[in-house]
Amino acid sequence: MALLIVVISVLSMVSTLGQSKVDTYSIIIRIIRRVLYYLFVVLISGEWFDADNDNKLIVNVGKIGMVYLFVQYIAYYSAGIVLHSYIPFLPAYHENYALND
């Protein structure tokens, strides 16, 4: 699994470097960070995670997301209210993406 993560990351980096005008250093740092996150998850996944609890968590998060999307749909089409869905400490738009725009 770790080898697959590294191969996918390297191929993504090569593909991105050929297509994008974003700073190369930024791309390399971002991909290295993601590889380390993925490797960390793969290495500890067998020891710390319980499949039954994880499945319940995924189902509950999915249900909460479905209810929120339903509320968004009703709010928009009934009252014209747009409910923004973002996490305050996790920006959806970064200044590096502005270079692509």
PDB file of N, CA and C in Angstrom:
ATOM      1  N   MET A   1       0.816  -1.186   0.000  1.00  0.00           N
ATOM      2  CA  MET A   1       0.000   0.000   0.000  1.00  0.00           C
ATOM      3  C   MET A   1       0.867   1.259   0.000  1.00  0.00           C
ATOM      4  N   ALA A   2       1.943   1.228   0.777  1.00  0.00           N
ATOM      5  CA  ALA A   2       2.825   2.393   0.847  1.00  0.00           C
ATOM      6  C   ALA A   2       3.470   2.675  -0.505  1.00  0.00           C
ATOM      7  N   LEU A   3       3.868   1.626  -1.205  1.00  0.00           N
ATOM      8  CA  LEU A   3       4.464   1.798  -2.529  1.00  0.00           C
ATOM      9  C   LEU A   3       3.454   2.412  -3.501  1.00  0.00           C
ATOM     10  N   LEU A   4       2.215   1.985  -3.426  1.00  0.00           N
ATOM     11  CA  LEU A   4       1.172   2.535  -4.286  1.00  0.00           C
ATOM     12  C   LEU A   4       0.973   4.027  -4.007  1.00  0.00           C
ATOM     13  N   ILE A   5       0.989   4.419  -2.760  1.00  0.00           N
ATOM     14  CA  ILE A   5       0.839   5.827  -2.401  1.00  0.00           C
ATOM     15  C   ILE A   5       1.987   6.655  -2.968  1.00  0.00           C
ATOM     16  N   VAL A   6       3.191   6.150  -2.859  1.00  0.00           N
ATOM     17  CA  VAL A   6       4.352   6.873  -3.375  1.00  0.00           C
ATOM     18  C   VAL A   6       4.278   6.992  -4.891  1.00  0.00           C
ATOM     19  N   VAL A   7       3.928   5.926  -5.576  1.00  0.00           N
ATOM     20  CA  VAL A   7       3.846   5.946  -7.043  1.00  0.00           C
ATOM     21  C   VAL A   7       2.774   6.929  -7.505  1.00  0.00           C
ATOM     22  N   ILE A   8       1.608   6.890  -6.878  1.00  0.00           N
ATOM     23  CA  ILE A   8       0.534   7.810  -7.259  1.00  0.00           C
ATOM     24  C   ILE A   8       0.956   9.255  -7.015  1.00  0.00           C
ATOM     25  N   SER A   9       1.612   9.506  -5.916  1.00  0.00           N
ATOM     26  CA  SER A   9       2.049  10.869  -5.602  1.00  0.00           C
ATOM     27  C   SER A   9       3.093  11.364  -6.587  1.00  0.00           C
ATOM     28  N   VAL A  10       4.043  10.534  -6.922  1.00  0.00           N
ATOM     29  CA  VAL A  10       5.082  10.930  -7.877  1.00  0.00           C
ATOM     30  C   VAL A  10       4.470  11.183  -9.255  1.00  0.00           C
ATOM     31  N   LEU A  11       3.573  10.320  -9.687  1.00  0.00           N
ATOM     32  CA  LEU A  11       2.929  10.533 -10.982  1.00  0.00           C
ATOM     33  C   LEU A  11       2.070  11.793 -10.979  1.00  0.00           C
ATOM     34  N   SER A  12       1.412  12.076  -9.882  1.00  0.00           N
ATOM     35  CA  SER A  12       0.624  13.307  -9.769  1.00  0.00           C
ATOM     36  C   SER A  12       1.525  14.530  -9.845  1.00  0.00           C
ATOM     37  N   MET A  13       2.671  14.454  -9.170  1.00  0.00           N
ATOM     38  CA  MET A  13       3.589  15.575  -9.182  1.00  0.00           C
ATOM     39  C   MET A  13       4.124  15.823 -10.594  1.00  0.00           C
ATOM     40  N   VAL A  14       4.508  14.775 -11.283  1.00  0.00           N
ATOM     41  CA  VAL A  14       5.023  14.919 -12.644  1.00  0.00           C
ATOM     42  C   VAL A  14       3.949  15.499 -13.556  1.00  0.00           C
ATOM     43  N   SER A  15       2.728  15.024 -13.426  1.00  0.00           N
ATOM     44  CA  SER A  15       1.635  15.530 -14.237  1.00  0.00           C
ATOM     45  C   SER A  15       1.348  16.995 -13.939  1.00  0.00           C
ATOM     46  N   THR A  16       1.334  17.367 -12.687  1.00  0.00           N
ATOM     47  CA  THR A  16       1.045  18.744 -12.293  1.00  0.00           C
ATOM     48  C   THR A  16       2.146  19.689 -12.730  1.00  0.00           C
ATOM     49  N   LEU A  17       3.388  19.261 -12.613  1.00  0.00           N
ATOM     50  CA  LEU A  17       4.494  20.130 -13.002  1.00  0.00           C
ATOM     51  C   LEU A  17       4.459  20.445 -14.491  1.00  0.00           C
ATOM     52  N   GLY A  18       3.972  19.521 -15.293  1.00  0.00           N
ATOM     53  CA  GLY A  18       3.900  19.739 -16.723  1.00  0.00           C
ATOM     54  C   GLY A  18       2.746  20.610 -17.160  1.00  0.00           C
ATOM     55  N   GLN A  19       1.714  20.750 -16.339  1.00  0.00           N
ATOM     56  CA  GLN A  19       0.512  21.458 -16.749  1.00  0.00           C
ATOM     57  C   GLN A  19       0.337  22.810 -16.093  1.00  0.00           C
ATOM     58  N   SER A  20       0.938  23.031 -14.989  1.00  0.00           N
ATOM     59  CA  SER A  20       0.584  24.148 -14.132  1.00  0.00           C
ATOM     60  C   SER A  20       1.644  25.232 -14.145  1.00  0.00           C
ATOM     61  N   LYS A  21       1.212  26.460 -13.816  1.00  0.00           N
ATOM     62  CA  LYS A  21       2.139  27.575 -13.671  1.00  0.00           C
ATOM     63  C   LYS A  21       2.349  27.938 -12.205  1.00  0.00           C
ATOM     64  N   VAL A  22       1.907  27.048 -11.312  1.00  0.00           N
ATOM     65  CA  VAL A  22       2.080  27.253  -9.879  1.00  0.00           C
ATOM     66  C   VAL A  22       3.536  26.998  -9.528  1.00  0.00           C
ATOM     67  N   ASP A  23       3.991  27.625  -8.479  1.00  0.00           N
ATOM     68  CA  ASP A  23       5.353  27.472  -8.015  1.00  0.00           C
ATOM     69  C   ASP A  23       5.692  25.999  -7.780  1.00  0.00           C
ATOM     70  N   THR A  24       6.766  25.522  -8.361  1.00  0.00           N
ATOM     71  CA  THR A  24       7.178  24.126  -8.254  1.00  0.00           C
ATOM     72  C   THR A  24       7.457  23.735  -6.812  1.00  0.00           C
ATOM     73  N   TYR A  25       8.063  24.612  -6.060  1.00  0.00           N
ATOM     74  CA  TYR A  25       8.355  24.340  -4.656  1.00  0.00           C
ATOM     75  C   TYR A  25       7.074  24.071  -3.876  1.00  0.00           C
ATOM     76  N   SER A  26       6.061  24.846  -4.119  1.00  0.00           N
ATOM     77  CA  SER A  26       4.777  24.677  -3.437  1.00  0.00           C
ATOM     78  C   SER A  26       4.171  23.310  -3.752  1.00  0.00           C
ATOM     79  N   ILE A  27       4.249  22.902  -4.996  1.00  0.00           N
ATOM     80  CA  ILE A  27       3.694  21.607  -5.404  1.00  0.00           C
ATOM     81  C   ILE A  27       4.444  20.468  -4.735  1.00  0.00           C
ATOM     82  N   ILE A  28       5.745  20.539  -4.744  1.00  0.00           N
ATOM     83  CA  ILE A  28       6.553  19.464  -4.159  1.00  0.00           C
ATOM     84  C   ILE A  28       6.300  19.352  -2.653  1.00  0.00           C
ATOM     85  N   ILE A  29       6.253  20.478  -1.952  1.00  0.00           N
ATOM     86  CA  ILE A  29       5.997  20.464  -0.505  1.00  0.00           C
ATOM     87  C   ILE A  29       4.616  19.891  -0.221  1.00  0.00           C
ATOM     88  N   ARG A  30       3.622  20.285  -1.006  1.00  0.00           N
ATOM     89  CA  ARG A  30       2.258  19.792  -0.787  1.00  0.00           C
ATOM     90  C   ARG A  30       2.181  18.278  -0.997  1.00  0.00           C
ATOM     91  N   ILE A  31       2.827  17.783  -2.027  1.00  0.00           N
ATOM     92  CA  ILE A  31       2.768  16.341  -2.301  1.00  0.00           C
ATOM     93  C   ILE A  31       3.551  15.557  -1.254  1.00  0.00           C
ATOM     94  N   ILE A  32       4.690  16.066  -0.832  1.00  0.00           N
ATOM     95  CA  ILE A  32       5.441  15.379   0.218  1.00  0.00           C
ATOM     96  C   ILE A  32       4.614  15.320   1.508  1.00  0.00           C
ATOM     97  N   ARG A  33       3.941  16.414   1.838  1.00  0.00           N
ATOM     98  CA  ARG A  33       3.102  16.433   3.032  1.00  0.00           C
ATOM     99  C   ARG A  33       1.982  15.403   2.935  1.00  0.00           C
ATOM    100  N   ARG A  34       1.334  15.329   1.760  1.00  0.00           N
ATOM    101  CA  ARG A  34       0.262  14.344   1.587  1.00  0.00           C
ATOM    102  C   ARG A  34       0.789  12.920   1.674  1.00  0.00           C
ATOM    103  N   VAL A  35       1.944  12.652   1.097  1.00  0.00           N
ATOM    104  CA  VAL A  35       2.526  11.315   1.173  1.00  0.00           C
ATOM    105  C   VAL A  35       2.794  10.938   2.623  1.00  0.00           C
ATOM    106  N   LEU A  36       3.322  11.863   3.397  1.00  0.00           N
ATOM    107  CA  LEU A  36       3.582  11.574   4.804  1.00  0.00           C
ATOM    108  C   LEU A  36       2.280  11.314   5.562  1.00  0.00           C
ATOM    109  N   TYR A  37       1.240  12.078   5.267  1.00  0.00           N
ATOM    110  CA  TYR A  37      -0.055  11.820   5.904  1.00  0.00           C
ATOM    111  C   TYR A  37      -0.569  10.441   5.545  1.00  0.00           C
ATOM    112  N   TYR A  38      -0.527  10.098   4.265  1.00  0.00           N
ATOM    113  CA  TYR A  38      -1.030   8.792   3.824  1.00  0.00           C
ATOM    114  C   TYR A  38      -0.226   7.659   4.438  1.00  0.00           C
ATOM    115  N   LEU A  39       1.093   7.805   4.465  1.00  0.00           N
ATOM    116  CA  LEU A  39       1.931   6.756   5.052  1.00  0.00           C
ATOM    117  C   LEU A  39       1.648   6.610   6.548  1.00  0.00           C
ATOM    118  N   PHE A  40       1.457   7.724   7.223  1.00  0.00           N
ATOM    119  CA  PHE A  40       1.131   7.681   8.642  1.00  0.00           C
ATOM    120  C   PHE A  40      -0.172   6.940   8.873  1.00  0.00           C
ATOM    121  N   VAL A  41      -1.174   7.209   8.076  1.00  0.00           N
ATOM    122  CA  VAL A  41      -2.470   6.531   8.209  1.00  0.00           C
ATOM    123  C   VAL A  41      -2.321   5.041   7.930  1.00  0.00           C
ATOM    124  N   VAL A  42      -1.568   4.689   6.898  1.00  0.00           N
ATOM    125  CA  VAL A  42      -1.385   3.272   6.579  1.00  0.00           C
ATOM    126  C   VAL A  42      -0.635   2.557   7.694  1.00  0.00           C
ATOM    127  N   LEU A  43       0.367   3.200   8.263  1.00  0.00           N
ATOM    128  CA  LEU A  43       1.175   2.553   9.294  1.00  0.00           C
ATOM    129  C   LEU A  43       0.415   2.347  10.596  1.00  0.00           C
ATOM    130  N   ILE A  44      -0.440   3.291  10.984  1.00  0.00           N
ATOM    131  CA  ILE A  44      -1.146   3.135  12.258  1.00  0.00           C
ATOM    132  C   ILE A  44      -2.537   2.543  12.097  1.00  0.00           C
ATOM    133  N   SER A  45      -2.995   2.364  10.879  1.00  0.00           N
ATOM    134  CA  SER A  45      -4.380   1.934  10.687  1.00  0.00           C
ATOM    135  C   SER A  45      -4.671   0.560  11.278  1.00  0.00           C
ATOM    136  N   GLY A  46      -3.739  -0.342  11.223  1.00  0.00           N
ATOM    137  CA  GLY A  46      -3.985  -1.678  11.754  1.00  0.00           C
ATOM    138  C   GLY A  46      -4.018  -1.735  13.269  1.00  0.00           C
ATOM    139  N   GLU A  47      -3.358  -0.806  13.914  1.00  0.00           N
ATOM    140  CA  GLU A  47      -3.260  -0.834  15.365  1.00  0.00           C
ATOM    141  C   GLU A  47      -4.357  -0.039  16.072  1.00  0.00           C
ATOM    142  N   TRP A  48      -4.742   1.097  15.526  1.00  0.00           N
ATOM    143  CA  TRP A  48      -5.599   2.018  16.265  1.00  0.00           C
ATOM    144  C   TRP A  48      -7.048   2.037  15.818  1.00  0.00           C
ATOM    145  N   PHE A  49      -7.337   1.552  14.638  1.00  0.00           N
ATOM    146  CA  PHE A  49      -8.685   1.694  14.111  1.00  0.00           C
ATOM    147  C   PHE A  49      -9.472   0.401  14.249  1.00  0.00           C
ATOM    148  N   ASP A  50     -10.713   0.551  14.652  1.00  0.00           N
ATOM    149  CA  ASP A  50     -11.624  -0.571  14.772  1.00  0.00           C
ATOM    150  C   ASP A  50     -12.638  -0.459  13.636  1.00  0.00           C
ATOM    151  N   ALA A  51     -12.764  -1.490  12.833  1.00  0.00           N
ATOM    152  CA  ALA A  51     -13.611  -1.434  11.640  1.00  0.00           C
ATOM    153  C   ALA A  51     -15.076  -1.168  11.980  1.00  0.00           C
ATOM    154  N   ASP A  52     -15.592  -1.760  13.029  1.00  0.00           N
ATOM    155  CA  ASP A  52     -17.003  -1.557  13.381  1.00  0.00           C
ATOM    156  C   ASP A  52     -17.276  -0.111  13.778  1.00  0.00           C
ATOM    157  N   ASN A  53     -16.425   0.440  14.612  1.00  0.00           N
ATOM    158  CA  ASN A  53     -16.597   1.839  15.025  1.00  0.00           C
ATOM    159  C   ASN A  53     -16.409   2.793  13.848  1.00  0.00           C
ATOM    160  N   ASP A  54     -15.443   2.480  12.984  1.00  0.00           N
ATOM    161  CA  ASP A  54     -15.206   3.341  11.829  1.00  0.00           C
ATOM    162  C   ASP A  54     -16.385   3.322  10.869  1.00  0.00           C
ATOM    163  N   ASN A  55     -16.970   2.155  10.676  1.00  0.00           N
ATOM    164  CA  ASN A  55     -18.143   2.075   9.797  1.00  0.00           C
ATOM    165  C   ASN A  55     -19.305   2.880  10.368  1.00  0.00           C
ATOM    166  N   LYS A  56     -19.513   2.799  11.669  1.00  0.00           N
ATOM    167  CA  LYS A  56     -20.573   3.586  12.305  1.00  0.00           C
ATOM    168  C   LYS A  56     -20.303   5.072  12.147  1.00  0.00           C
ATOM    169  N   LEU A  57     -19.050   5.463  12.314  1.00  0.00           N
ATOM    170  CA  LEU A  57     -18.687   6.868  12.173  1.00  0.00           C
ATOM    171  C   LEU A  57     -18.942   7.363  10.747  1.00  0.00           C
ATOM    172  N   ILE A  58     -18.536   6.580   9.776  1.00  0.00           N
ATOM    173  CA  ILE A  58     -18.735   6.966   8.382  1.00  0.00           C
ATOM    174  C   ILE A  58     -20.217   7.083   8.054  1.00  0.00           C
ATOM    175  N   VAL A  59     -21.017   6.150   8.526  1.00  0.00           N
ATOM    176  CA  VAL A  59     -22.463   6.200   8.290  1.00  0.00           C
ATOM    177  C   VAL A  59     -23.070   7.434   8.955  1.00  0.00           C
ATOM    178  N   ASN A  60     -22.668   7.731  10.193  1.00  0.00           N
ATOM    179  CA  ASN A  60     -23.210   8.894  10.891  1.00  0.00           C
ATOM    180  C   ASN A  60     -22.796  10.210  10.227  1.00  0.00           C
ATOM    181  N   VAL A  61     -21.553  10.307   9.798  1.00  0.00           N
ATOM    182  CA  VAL A  61     -21.107  11.505   9.089  1.00  0.00           C
ATOM    183  C   VAL A  61     -21.870  11.646   7.769  1.00  0.00           C
ATOM    184  N   GLY A  62     -22.101  10.553   7.090  1.00  0.00           N
ATOM    185  CA  GLY A  62     -22.882  10.588   5.864  1.00  0.00           C
ATOM    186  C   GLY A  62     -24.316  11.044   6.094  1.00  0.00           C
ATOM    187  N   LYS A  63     -24.913  10.568   7.171  1.00  0.00           N
ATOM    188  CA  LYS A  63     -26.285  10.982   7.500  1.00  0.00           C
ATOM    189  C   LYS A  63     -26.343  12.468   7.822  1.00  0.00           C
ATOM    190  N   ILE A  64     -25.386  12.950   8.603  1.00  0.00           N
ATOM    191  CA  ILE A  64     -25.350  14.374   8.936  1.00  0.00           C
ATOM    192  C   ILE A  64     -25.164  15.210   7.675  1.00  0.00           C
ATOM    193  N   GLY A  65     -24.283  14.779   6.793  1.00  0.00           N
ATOM    194  CA  GLY A  65     -24.073  15.491   5.537  1.00  0.00           C
ATOM    195  C   GLY A  65     -25.317  15.492   4.671  1.00  0.00           C
ATOM    196  N   MET A  66     -26.019  14.379   4.628  1.00  0.00           N
ATOM    197  CA  MET A  66     -27.244  14.287   3.836  1.00  0.00           C
ATOM    198  C   MET A  66     -28.314  15.230   4.390  1.00  0.00           C
ATOM    199  N   VAL A  67     -28.455  15.270   5.697  1.00  0.00           N
ATOM    200  CA  VAL A  67     -29.441  16.169   6.307  1.00  0.00           C
ATOM    201  C   VAL A  67     -29.069  17.623   6.008  1.00  0.00           C
ATOM    202  N   TYR A  68     -27.791  17.959   6.107  1.00  0.00           N
ATOM    203  CA  TYR A  68     -27.372  19.337   5.823  1.00  0.00           C
ATOM    204  C   TYR A  68     -27.629  19.704   4.358  1.00  0.00           C
ATOM    205  N   LEU A  69     -27.336  18.797   3.448  1.00  0.00           N
ATOM    206  CA  LEU A  69     -27.615  19.066   2.037  1.00  0.00           C
ATOM    207  C   LEU A  69     -29.104  19.237   1.784  1.00  0.00           C
ATOM    208  N   PHE A  70     -29.913  18.458   2.467  1.00  0.00           N
ATOM    209  CA  PHE A  70     -31.363  18.582   2.330  1.00  0.00           C
ATOM    210  C   PHE A  70     -31.829  19.944   2.848  1.00  0.00           C
ATOM    211  N   VAL A  71     -31.282  20.374   3.985  1.00  0.00           N
ATOM    212  CA  VAL A  71     -31.628  21.688   4.545  1.00  0.00           C
ATOM    213  C   VAL A  71     -31.174  22.795   3.591  1.00  0.00           C
ATOM    214  N   GLN A  72     -29.982  22.665   3.008  1.00  0.00           N
ATOM    215  CA  GLN A  72     -29.506  23.631   2.025  1.00  0.00           C
ATOM    216  C   GLN A  72     -30.467  23.721   0.846  1.00  0.00           C
ATOM    217  N   TYR A  73     -30.877  22.590   0.334  1.00  0.00           N
ATOM    218  CA  TYR A  73     -31.781  22.534  -0.818  1.00  0.00           C
ATOM    219  C   TYR A  73     -33.102  23.224  -0.502  1.00  0.00           C
ATOM    220  N   ILE A  74     -33.686  22.879   0.649  1.00  0.00           N
ATOM    221  CA  ILE A  74     -34.965  23.473   1.047  1.00  0.00           C
ATOM    222  C   ILE A  74     -34.813  24.983   1.249  1.00  0.00           C
ATOM    223  N   ALA A  75     -33.745  25.410   1.930  1.00  0.00           N
ATOM    224  CA  ALA A  75     -33.536  26.834   2.197  1.00  0.00           C
ATOM    225  C   ALA A  75     -33.371  27.618   0.902  1.00  0.00           C
ATOM    226  N   TYR A  76     -32.658  27.058  -0.061  1.00  0.00           N
ATOM    227  CA  TYR A  76     -32.409  27.781  -1.302  1.00  0.00           C
ATOM    228  C   TYR A  76     -33.669  27.882  -2.160  1.00  0.00           C
ATOM    229  N   TYR A  77     -34.346  26.772  -2.335  1.00  0.00           N
ATOM    230  CA  TYR A  77     -35.494  26.776  -3.237  1.00  0.00           C
ATOM    231  C   TYR A  77     -36.780  27.302  -2.600  1.00  0.00           C
ATOM    232  N   SER A  78     -36.850  27.360  -1.282  1.00  0.00           N
ATOM    233  CA  SER A  78     -38.062  27.892  -0.666  1.00  0.00           C
ATOM    234  C   SER A  78     -37.913  29.371  -0.304  1.00  0.00           C
ATOM    235  N   ALA A  79     -36.742  29.773   0.187  1.00  0.00           N
ATOM    236  CA  ALA A  79     -36.577  31.153   0.647  1.00  0.00           C
ATOM    237  C   ALA A  79     -35.457  31.902  -0.068  1.00  0.00           C
ATOM    238  N   GLY A  80     -34.703  31.220  -0.945  1.00  0.00           N
ATOM    239  CA  GLY A  80     -33.609  31.879  -1.646  1.00  0.00           C
ATOM    240  C   GLY A  80     -32.393  32.128  -0.772  1.00  0.00           C
ATOM    241  N   ILE A  81     -32.297  31.421   0.340  1.00  0.00           N
ATOM    242  CA  ILE A  81     -31.174  31.587   1.266  1.00  0.00           C
ATOM    243  C   ILE A  81     -30.068  30.601   0.889  1.00  0.00           C
ATOM    244  N   VAL A  82     -28.866  31.124   0.766  1.00  0.00           N
ATOM    245  CA  VAL A  82     -27.719  30.278   0.463  1.00  0.00           C
ATOM    246  C   VAL A  82     -26.990  29.976   1.756  1.00  0.00           C
ATOM    247  N   LEU A  83     -26.935  28.704   2.129  1.00  0.00           N
ATOM    248  CA  LEU A  83     -26.202  28.277   3.323  1.00  0.00           C
ATOM    249  C   LEU A  83     -24.794  27.876   2.895  1.00  0.00           C
ATOM    250  N   HIS A  84     -23.833  28.637   3.343  1.00  0.00           N
ATOM    251  CA  HIS A  84     -22.447  28.338   2.989  1.00  0.00           C
ATOM    252  C   HIS A  84     -21.948  27.184   3.847  1.00  0.00           C
ATOM    253  N   SER A  85     -21.218  26.308   3.219  1.00  0.00           N
ATOM    254  CA  SER A  85     -20.688  25.171   3.968  1.00  0.00           C
ATOM    255  C   SER A  85     -19.170  25.158   3.847  1.00  0.00           C
ATOM    256  N   TYR A  86     -18.529  25.657   4.879  1.00  0.00           N
ATOM    257  CA  TYR A  86     -17.087  25.639   4.933  1.00  0.00           C
ATOM    258  C   TYR A  86     -16.657  25.532   6.391  1.00  0.00           C
ATOM    259  N   ILE A  87     -15.436  25.096   6.568  1.00  0.00           N
ATOM    260  CA  ILE A  87     -14.872  24.990   7.896  1.00  0.00           C
ATOM    261  C   ILE A  87     -13.982  26.217   8.089  1.00  0.00           C
ATOM    262  N   PRO A  88     -14.238  27.029   9.108  1.00  0.00           N
ATOM    263  CA  PRO A  88     -13.536  28.305   9.247  1.00  0.00           C
ATOM    264  C   PRO A  88     -12.006  28.198   9.250  1.00  0.00           C
ATOM    265  N   PHE A  89     -11.445  27.183   9.881  1.00  0.00           N
ATOM    266  CA  PHE A  89      -9.991  27.081   9.959  1.00  0.00           C
ATOM    267  C   PHE A  89      -9.378  26.333   8.770  1.00  0.00           C
ATOM    268  N   LEU A  90     -10.193  25.911   7.812  1.00  0.00           N
ATOM    269  CA  LEU A  90      -9.713  25.175   6.654  1.00  0.00           C
ATOM    270  C   LEU A  90     -10.190  25.881   5.389  1.00  0.00           C
ATOM    271  N   PRO A  91      -9.393  26.797   4.845  1.00  0.00           N
ATOM    272  CA  PRO A  91      -9.859  27.572   3.700  1.00  0.00           C
ATOM    273  C   PRO A  91     -10.023  26.700   2.458  1.00  0.00           C
ATOM    274  N   ALA A  92     -11.108  26.954   1.742  1.00  0.00           N
ATOM    275  CA  ALA A  92     -11.361  26.208   0.513  1.00  0.00           C
ATOM    276  C   ALA A  92     -10.605  26.815  -0.664  1.00  0.00           C
ATOM    277  N   TYR A  93     -10.196  28.054  -0.522  1.00  0.00           N
ATOM    278  CA  TYR A  93      -9.509  28.750  -1.604  1.00  0.00           C
ATOM    279  C   TYR A  93      -8.191  29.289  -1.053  1.00  0.00           C
ATOM    280  N   HIS A  94      -7.123  28.964  -1.677  1.00  0.00           N
ATOM    281  CA  HIS A  94      -5.796  29.386  -1.219  1.00  0.00           C
ATOM    282  C   HIS A  94      -5.176  30.289  -2.265  1.00  0.00           C
ATOM    283  N   GLU A  95      -4.279  31.150  -1.840  1.00  0.00           N
ATOM    284  CA  GLU A  95      -3.683  32.103  -2.773  1.00  0.00           C
ATOM    285  C   GLU A  95      -2.912  31.420  -3.895  1.00  0.00           C
ATOM    286  N   ASN A  96      -2.397  30.209  -3.657  1.00  0.00           N
ATOM    287  CA  ASN A  96      -1.692  29.506  -4.734  1.00  0.00           C
ATOM    288  C   ASN A  96      -2.644  29.117  -5.857  1.00  0.00           C
ATOM    289  N   TYR A  97      -3.920  28.892  -5.530  1.00  0.00           N
ATOM    290  CA  TYR A  97      -4.878  28.563  -6.574  1.00  0.00           C
ATOM    291  C   TYR A  97      -5.177  29.778  -7.438  1.00  0.00           C
ATOM    292  N   ALA A  98      -5.007  30.961  -6.899  1.00  0.00           N
ATOM    293  CA  ALA A  98      -5.252  32.180  -7.670  1.00  0.00           C
ATOM    294  C   ALA A  98      -4.298  32.287  -8.849  1.00  0.00           C
ATOM    295  N   LEU A  99      -3.114  31.719  -8.720  1.00  0.00           N
ATOM    296  CA  LEU A  99      -2.174  31.732  -9.829  1.00  0.00           C
ATOM    297  C   LEU A  99      -2.713  30.950 -11.023  1.00  0.00           C
ATOM    298  N   ASN A 100      -3.420  29.862 -10.761  1.00  0.00           N
ATOM    299  CA  ASN A 100      -4.020  29.099 -11.847  1.00  0.00           C
ATOM    300  C   ASN A 100      -5.146  29.858 -12.514  1.00  0.00           C
ATOM    301  N   ASP A 101      -5.912  30.618 -11.704  1.00  0.00           N
ATOM    302  CA  ASP A 101      -7.036  31.385 -12.243  1.00  0.00           C
ATOM    303  C   ASP A 101      -6.525  32.499 -13.140  1.00  0.00           C
TER     304      ASP A 101
END
